[in-house]
């Protein structure tokens, strides 16, 4: 079980590094910490590092959830059991993933909604 969870985290980490959000932040480091935006505002290196780490952590969790949802319909409880992510965080991630049309509700299991990843051809990754 631990080995499967570790493998899933590695796959999700690779997906995160390849993802647009983290690559964009890494590519903008000079602009964000250097001369600043159009108003001359800059952010400090420690703040930039925090933002990148937070974005990567969020993307990692979302990629873990997407991997599970690509395998089939899951409830929040099942996603928690599979990933160890806190249920309130899963709900926040599912809301964001639904907004981006990467996840959809596909039914109910008892009183719990079941979610599934949308087919890849409909995605704009």
C-alpha atoms as a PDB file:
ATOM      1  CA  UNK A   1       0.000   0.000   0.000  1.00  0.00           C
ATOM      2  CA  UNK A   2       2.777   2.455   0.920  1.00  0.00           C
ATOM      3  CA  UNK A   3       4.578   1.625  -2.300  1.00  0.00           C
ATOM      4  CA  UNK A   4       1.471   2.359  -4.390  1.00  0.00           C
ATOM      5  CA  UNK A   5       0.920   5.654  -2.581  1.00  0.00           C
ATOM      6  CA  UNK A   6       4.582   6.593  -3.109  1.00  0.00           C
ATOM      7  CA  UNK A   7       4.332   5.775  -6.821  1.00  0.00           C
ATOM      8  CA  UNK A   8       1.189   7.891  -7.112  1.00  0.00           C
ATOM      9  CA  UNK A   9       2.943  10.826  -5.401  1.00  0.00           C
ATOM     10  CA  UNK A  10       5.910  10.514  -7.772  1.00  0.00           C
ATOM     11  CA  UNK A  11       3.618  10.520 -10.825  1.00  0.00           C
ATOM     12  CA  UNK A  12       1.719  13.507  -9.424  1.00  0.00           C
ATOM     13  CA  UNK A  13       4.989  15.348  -8.704  1.00  0.00           C
ATOM     14  CA  UNK A  14       6.151  14.834 -12.284  1.00  0.00           C
ATOM     15  CA  UNK A  15       2.800  16.107 -13.525  1.00  0.00           C
ATOM     16  CA  UNK A  16       3.141  19.125 -11.240  1.00  0.00           C
ATOM     17  CA  UNK A  17       6.607  20.028 -12.539  1.00  0.00           C
ATOM     18  CA  UNK A  18       5.340  19.673 -16.112  1.00  0.00           C
ATOM     19  CA  UNK A  19       2.260  21.762 -15.332  1.00  0.00           C
ATOM     20  CA  UNK A  20       1.686  25.252 -16.613  1.00  0.00           C
ATOM     21  CA  UNK A  21       1.175  26.994 -13.254  1.00  0.00           C
ATOM     22  CA  UNK A  22       4.522  26.083 -11.687  1.00  0.00           C
ATOM     23  CA  UNK A  23       6.464  26.556 -14.931  1.00  0.00           C
ATOM     24  CA  UNK A  24       4.899  30.017 -15.357  1.00  0.00           C
ATOM     25  CA  UNK A  25       5.885  31.064 -11.829  1.00  0.00           C
ATOM     26  CA  UNK A  26       9.433  29.788 -12.294  1.00  0.00           C
ATOM     27  CA  UNK A  27       9.720  31.612 -15.612  1.00  0.00           C
ATOM     28  CA  UNK A  28       8.559  34.911 -14.083  1.00  0.00           C
ATOM     29  CA  UNK A  29      10.996  34.965 -11.152  1.00  0.00           C
ATOM     30  CA  UNK A  30      13.140  37.732 -12.640  1.00  0.00           C
ATOM     31  CA  UNK A  31      10.153  39.934 -13.402  1.00  0.00           C
ATOM     32  CA  UNK A  32       8.484  39.345 -10.061  1.00  0.00           C
ATOM     33  CA  UNK A  33      11.543  39.846  -7.863  1.00  0.00           C
ATOM     34  CA  UNK A  34      13.448  42.273 -10.088  1.00  0.00           C
ATOM     35  CA  UNK A  35      12.147  45.492 -11.598  1.00  0.00           C
ATOM     36  CA  UNK A  36       8.571  44.762 -10.533  1.00  0.00           C
ATOM     37  CA  UNK A  37       5.222  45.147 -12.211  1.00  0.00           C
ATOM     38  CA  UNK A  38       3.909  48.168 -14.121  1.00  0.00           C
ATOM     39  CA  UNK A  39       3.530  50.007 -10.800  1.00  0.00           C
ATOM     40  CA  UNK A  40       7.135  49.313  -9.784  1.00  0.00           C
ATOM     41  CA  UNK A  41       6.056  46.837  -7.104  1.00  0.00           C
ATOM     42  CA  UNK A  42       8.294  43.849  -6.412  1.00  0.00           C
ATOM     43  CA  UNK A  43       8.134  40.868  -4.111  1.00  0.00           C
ATOM     44  CA  UNK A  44      11.007  39.656  -1.977  1.00  0.00           C
ATOM     45  CA  UNK A  45      12.863  36.427  -2.756  1.00  0.00           C
ATOM     46  CA  UNK A  46      11.501  34.725   0.403  1.00  0.00           C
ATOM     47  CA  UNK A  47       7.933  35.733  -0.543  1.00  0.00           C
ATOM     48  CA  UNK A  48       8.460  34.483  -4.105  1.00  0.00           C
ATOM     49  CA  UNK A  49       9.815  31.166  -2.757  1.00  0.00           C
ATOM     50  CA  UNK A  50       6.759  30.851  -0.505  1.00  0.00           C
ATOM     51  CA  UNK A  51       4.374  31.509  -3.409  1.00  0.00           C
ATOM     52  CA  UNK A  52       6.097  28.916  -5.613  1.00  0.00           C
ATOM     53  CA  UNK A  53       6.130  26.319  -2.817  1.00  0.00           C
ATOM     54  CA  UNK A  54       2.458  26.918  -2.037  1.00  0.00           C
ATOM     55  CA  UNK A  55       1.475  26.718  -5.715  1.00  0.00           C
ATOM     56  CA  UNK A  56       3.462  23.507  -6.164  1.00  0.00           C
ATOM     57  CA  UNK A  57       1.860  21.959  -3.057  1.00  0.00           C
ATOM     58  CA  UNK A  58      -1.631  22.821  -4.282  1.00  0.00           C
ATOM     59  CA  UNK A  59      -0.877  21.480  -7.763  1.00  0.00           C
ATOM     60  CA  UNK A  60       0.584  18.283  -6.302  1.00  0.00           C
ATOM     61  CA  UNK A  61      -2.597  17.631  -4.326  1.00  0.00           C
ATOM     62  CA  UNK A  62      -4.798  18.395  -7.334  1.00  0.00           C
ATOM     63  CA  UNK A  63      -2.747  16.067  -9.505  1.00  0.00           C
ATOM     64  CA  UNK A  64      -3.031  13.306  -6.893  1.00  0.00           C
ATOM     65  CA  UNK A  65      -6.795  13.745  -6.926  1.00  0.00           C
ATOM     66  CA  UNK A  66      -6.956  13.861 -10.723  1.00  0.00           C
ATOM     67  CA  UNK A  67      -5.007  10.609 -10.964  1.00  0.00           C
ATOM     68  CA  UNK A  68      -7.535   8.928  -8.675  1.00  0.00           C
ATOM     69  CA  UNK A  69     -10.467  10.391 -10.589  1.00  0.00           C
ATOM     70  CA  UNK A  70      -9.009   9.261 -13.926  1.00  0.00           C
ATOM     71  CA  UNK A  71      -9.223   5.675 -12.647  1.00  0.00           C
ATOM     72  CA  UNK A  72     -12.940   5.949 -11.887  1.00  0.00           C
ATOM     73  CA  UNK A  73     -15.644   7.669  -9.903  1.00  0.00           C
ATOM     74  CA  UNK A  74     -14.758   8.471  -6.294  1.00  0.00           C
ATOM     75  CA  UNK A  75     -16.389  10.202  -3.344  1.00  0.00           C
ATOM     76  CA  UNK A  76     -14.584  12.707  -1.129  1.00  0.00           C
ATOM     77  CA  UNK A  77     -14.282   9.974   1.510  1.00  0.00           C
ATOM     78  CA  UNK A  78     -12.692   7.569  -0.991  1.00  0.00           C
ATOM     79  CA  UNK A  79     -10.323  10.282  -2.207  1.00  0.00           C
ATOM     80  CA  UNK A  80      -9.285  10.947   1.387  1.00  0.00           C
ATOM     81  CA  UNK A  81      -8.627   7.249   2.001  1.00  0.00           C
ATOM     82  CA  UNK A  82      -6.578   6.953  -1.205  1.00  0.00           C
ATOM     83  CA  UNK A  83      -4.508  10.140  -0.871  1.00  0.00           C
ATOM     84  CA  UNK A  84      -4.500  11.131   2.791  1.00  0.00           C
ATOM     85  CA  UNK A  85      -5.517  14.674   1.857  1.00  0.00           C
ATOM     86  CA  UNK A  86      -7.868  16.317   4.380  1.00  0.00           C
ATOM     87  CA  UNK A  87     -11.511  16.213   3.311  1.00  0.00           C
ATOM     88  CA  UNK A  88     -12.053  20.016   3.437  1.00  0.00           C
ATOM     89  CA  UNK A  89      -9.031  20.442   1.141  1.00  0.00           C
ATOM     90  CA  UNK A  90     -10.402  17.798  -1.231  1.00  0.00           C
ATOM     91  CA  UNK A  91     -13.686  19.687  -1.439  1.00  0.00           C
ATOM     92  CA  UNK A  92     -11.835  22.936  -2.259  1.00  0.00           C
ATOM     93  CA  UNK A  93      -9.768  21.175  -4.925  1.00  0.00           C
ATOM     94  CA  UNK A  94     -12.811  19.472  -6.462  1.00  0.00           C
ATOM     95  CA  UNK A  95     -14.593  22.838  -6.687  1.00  0.00           C
ATOM     96  CA  UNK A  96     -11.598  24.327  -8.529  1.00  0.00           C
ATOM     97  CA  UNK A  97     -11.225  21.295 -10.798  1.00  0.00           C
ATOM     98  CA  UNK A  98     -14.940  21.416 -11.632  1.00  0.00           C
ATOM     99  CA  UNK A  99     -14.611  25.122 -12.439  1.00  0.00           C
ATOM    100  CA  UNK A 100     -11.832  24.279 -14.915  1.00  0.00           C
ATOM    101  CA  UNK A 101     -13.918  21.393 -16.311  1.00  0.00           C
ATOM    102  CA  UNK A 102     -11.327  18.787 -15.343  1.00  0.00           C
ATOM    103  CA  UNK A 103     -13.756  17.001 -13.005  1.00  0.00           C
ATOM    104  CA  UNK A 104     -17.490  16.404 -13.063  1.00  0.00           C
ATOM    105  CA  UNK A 105     -20.043  14.927 -10.714  1.00  0.00           C
ATOM    106  CA  UNK A 106     -21.184  11.610 -12.148  1.00  0.00           C
ATOM    107  CA  UNK A 107     -23.552  10.257  -9.530  1.00  0.00           C
ATOM    108  CA  UNK A 108     -24.147   9.531  -5.883  1.00  0.00           C
ATOM    109  CA  UNK A 109     -22.940   6.800  -3.559  1.00  0.00           C
ATOM    110  CA  UNK A 110     -25.367   6.874  -0.680  1.00  0.00           C
ATOM    111  CA  UNK A 111     -25.452  10.511   0.409  1.00  0.00           C
ATOM    112  CA  UNK A 112     -22.057  11.346  -1.118  1.00  0.00           C
ATOM    113  CA  UNK A 113     -21.514  12.781  -4.596  1.00  0.00           C
ATOM    114  CA  UNK A 114     -19.156  10.836  -6.844  1.00  0.00           C
ATOM    115  CA  UNK A 115     -16.705  12.691  -9.041  1.00  0.00           C
ATOM    116  CA  UNK A 116     -14.705  11.616 -12.057  1.00  0.00           C
ATOM    117  CA  UNK A 117     -12.116  13.237 -14.309  1.00  0.00           C
ATOM    118  CA  UNK A 118     -13.493  14.478 -17.581  1.00  0.00           C
ATOM    119  CA  UNK A 119     -12.199  12.714 -20.690  1.00  0.00           C
ATOM    120  CA  UNK A 120      -8.761  14.056 -21.693  1.00  0.00           C
ATOM    121  CA  UNK A 121      -9.917  15.133 -25.156  1.00  0.00           C
ATOM    122  CA  UNK A 122     -12.192  17.743 -23.511  1.00  0.00           C
ATOM    123  CA  UNK A 123      -9.390  19.179 -21.419  1.00  0.00           C
ATOM    124  CA  UNK A 124      -7.313  22.230 -22.140  1.00  0.00           C
ATOM    125  CA  UNK A 125      -4.109  21.134 -20.404  1.00  0.00           C
END
